[in-house]
Amino acid sequence: MFDYNKLRGRIREVFGTQEEFGKAIGLSNTSISAKLNNKVEWSQQEINKAVDALGLSDNEIFAYFFTEKV
């Protein structure tokens, strides 16, 4: 299970809402919510779109998408 708190913060910072973020990467608010709550996994393509939309560097991907919950 992954900790998406950092990702949630970046989404709010850049897009204001999960819904606007979802629109930017072609996913519904329901899909974004399911992914951020560890109910559905992110696909590689979705991660790539999210990284581009959020302006993340390659070095930041692990911290935002692969930090395990403790």
C-alpha atoms as a PDB file:
ATOM      1  CA  MET A   1       0.000   0.000   0.000  1.00  0.00           C
ATOM      2  CA  PHE A   2       1.312   3.447  -0.915  1.00  0.00           C
ATOM      3  CA  ASP A   3       1.143   6.790   0.868  1.00  0.00           C
ATOM      4  CA  TYR A   4      -0.238   9.404  -1.527  1.00  0.00           C
ATOM      5  CA  ASN A   5      -0.343  12.365   0.896  1.00  0.00           C
ATOM      6  CA  LYS A   6       2.499  14.122  -0.900  1.00  0.00           C
ATOM      7  CA  LEU A   7       0.741  13.552  -4.241  1.00  0.00           C
ATOM      8  CA  ARG A   8      -2.549  14.881  -2.840  1.00  0.00           C
ATOM      9  CA  GLY A   9      -0.773  18.035  -1.706  1.00  0.00           C
ATOM     10  CA  ARG A  10       0.818  18.582  -5.107  1.00  0.00           C
ATOM     11  CA  ILE A  11      -2.547  18.057  -6.837  1.00  0.00           C
ATOM     12  CA  ARG A  12      -4.118  20.748  -4.608  1.00  0.00           C
ATOM     13  CA  GLU A  13      -1.150  23.047  -5.164  1.00  0.00           C
ATOM     14  CA  VAL A  14      -1.224  22.775  -8.965  1.00  0.00           C
ATOM     15  CA  PHE A  15      -4.899  22.111  -9.787  1.00  0.00           C
ATOM     16  CA  GLY A  16      -6.892  23.077  -6.704  1.00  0.00           C
ATOM     17  CA  THR A  17      -9.064  19.949  -6.824  1.00  0.00           C
ATOM     18  CA  GLN A  18      -8.768  16.264  -7.677  1.00  0.00           C
ATOM     19  CA  GLU A  19     -11.527  16.788 -10.219  1.00  0.00           C
ATOM     20  CA  GLU A  20      -9.521  19.389 -12.165  1.00  0.00           C
ATOM     21  CA  PHE A  21      -6.446  17.161 -11.990  1.00  0.00           C
ATOM     22  CA  GLY A  22      -8.501  14.250 -13.310  1.00  0.00           C
ATOM     23  CA  LYS A  23      -9.754  16.332 -16.239  1.00  0.00           C
ATOM     24  CA  ALA A  24      -6.173  17.292 -17.074  1.00  0.00           C
ATOM     25  CA  ILE A  25      -5.036  13.668 -17.299  1.00  0.00           C
ATOM     26  CA  GLY A  26      -8.276  12.166 -18.666  1.00  0.00           C
ATOM     27  CA  LEU A  27      -9.601  10.414 -15.543  1.00  0.00           C
ATOM     28  CA  SER A  28     -12.828  10.851 -13.601  1.00  0.00           C
ATOM     29  CA  ASN A  29     -12.862  12.155 -10.055  1.00  0.00           C
ATOM     30  CA  THR A  30     -14.019   8.679  -8.988  1.00  0.00           C
ATOM     31  CA  SER A  31     -10.976   7.086 -10.641  1.00  0.00           C
ATOM     32  CA  ILE A  32      -8.592   9.573  -9.052  1.00  0.00           C
ATOM     33  CA  SER A  33     -10.162   8.974  -5.646  1.00  0.00           C
ATOM     34  CA  ALA A  34      -9.897   5.182  -6.013  1.00  0.00           C
ATOM     35  CA  LYS A  35      -6.218   5.460  -6.950  1.00  0.00           C
ATOM     36  CA  LEU A  36      -5.364   7.865  -4.109  1.00  0.00           C
ATOM     37  CA  ASN A  37      -7.127   5.537  -1.652  1.00  0.00           C
ATOM     38  CA  ASN A  38      -5.200   2.436  -2.839  1.00  0.00           C
ATOM     39  CA  LYS A  39      -8.314   0.759  -4.234  1.00  0.00           C
ATOM     40  CA  VAL A  40      -7.025   0.766  -7.829  1.00  0.00           C
ATOM     41  CA  GLU A  41      -3.413   0.832  -9.018  1.00  0.00           C
ATOM     42  CA  TRP A  42      -1.969   3.578 -11.208  1.00  0.00           C
ATOM     43  CA  SER A  43      -0.983   2.397 -14.698  1.00  0.00           C
ATOM     44  CA  GLN A  44       2.382   3.423 -16.126  1.00  0.00           C
ATOM     45  CA  GLN A  45       0.616   5.623 -18.680  1.00  0.00           C
ATOM     46  CA  GLU A  46      -1.438   7.350 -15.943  1.00  0.00           C
ATOM     47  CA  ILE A  47       1.689   7.982 -13.884  1.00  0.00           C
ATOM     48  CA  ASN A  48       3.408   9.480 -16.943  1.00  0.00           C
ATOM     49  CA  LYS A  49       0.450  11.810 -17.594  1.00  0.00           C
ATOM     50  CA  ALA A  50       0.282  12.803 -13.918  1.00  0.00           C
ATOM     51  CA  VAL A  51       4.031  13.511 -13.777  1.00  0.00           C
ATOM     52  CA  ASP A  52       3.766  15.776 -16.828  1.00  0.00           C
ATOM     53  CA  ALA A  53       0.633  17.554 -15.566  1.00  0.00           C
ATOM     54  CA  LEU A  54       2.125  18.145 -12.115  1.00  0.00           C
ATOM     55  CA  GLY A  55       5.519  19.212 -13.429  1.00  0.00           C
ATOM     56  CA  LEU A  56       7.421  16.555 -11.511  1.00  0.00           C
ATOM     57  CA  SER A  57      10.995  15.608 -12.340  1.00  0.00           C
ATOM     58  CA  ASP A  58      12.076  12.008 -12.855  1.00  0.00           C
ATOM     59  CA  ASN A  59      13.805  12.163  -9.472  1.00  0.00           C
ATOM     60  CA  GLU A  60      10.508  12.990  -7.730  1.00  0.00           C
ATOM     61  CA  ILE A  61       8.394  10.147  -9.144  1.00  0.00           C
ATOM     62  CA  PHE A  62       9.336   7.642  -6.461  1.00  0.00           C
ATOM     63  CA  ALA A  63       8.494  10.040  -3.601  1.00  0.00           C
ATOM     64  CA  TYR A  64       5.064  10.845  -5.043  1.00  0.00           C
ATOM     65  CA  PHE A  65       3.955   7.414  -6.302  1.00  0.00           C
ATOM     66  CA  PHE A  66       5.943   4.701  -4.521  1.00  0.00           C
ATOM     67  CA  THR A  67       6.385   5.715  -0.876  1.00  0.00           C
ATOM     68  CA  GLU A  68       4.979   2.888   1.232  1.00  0.00           C
ATOM     69  CA  LYS A  69       2.538   3.541   4.046  1.00  0.00           C
ATOM     70  CA  VAL A  70       4.001   2.809   7.433  1.00  0.00           C
END
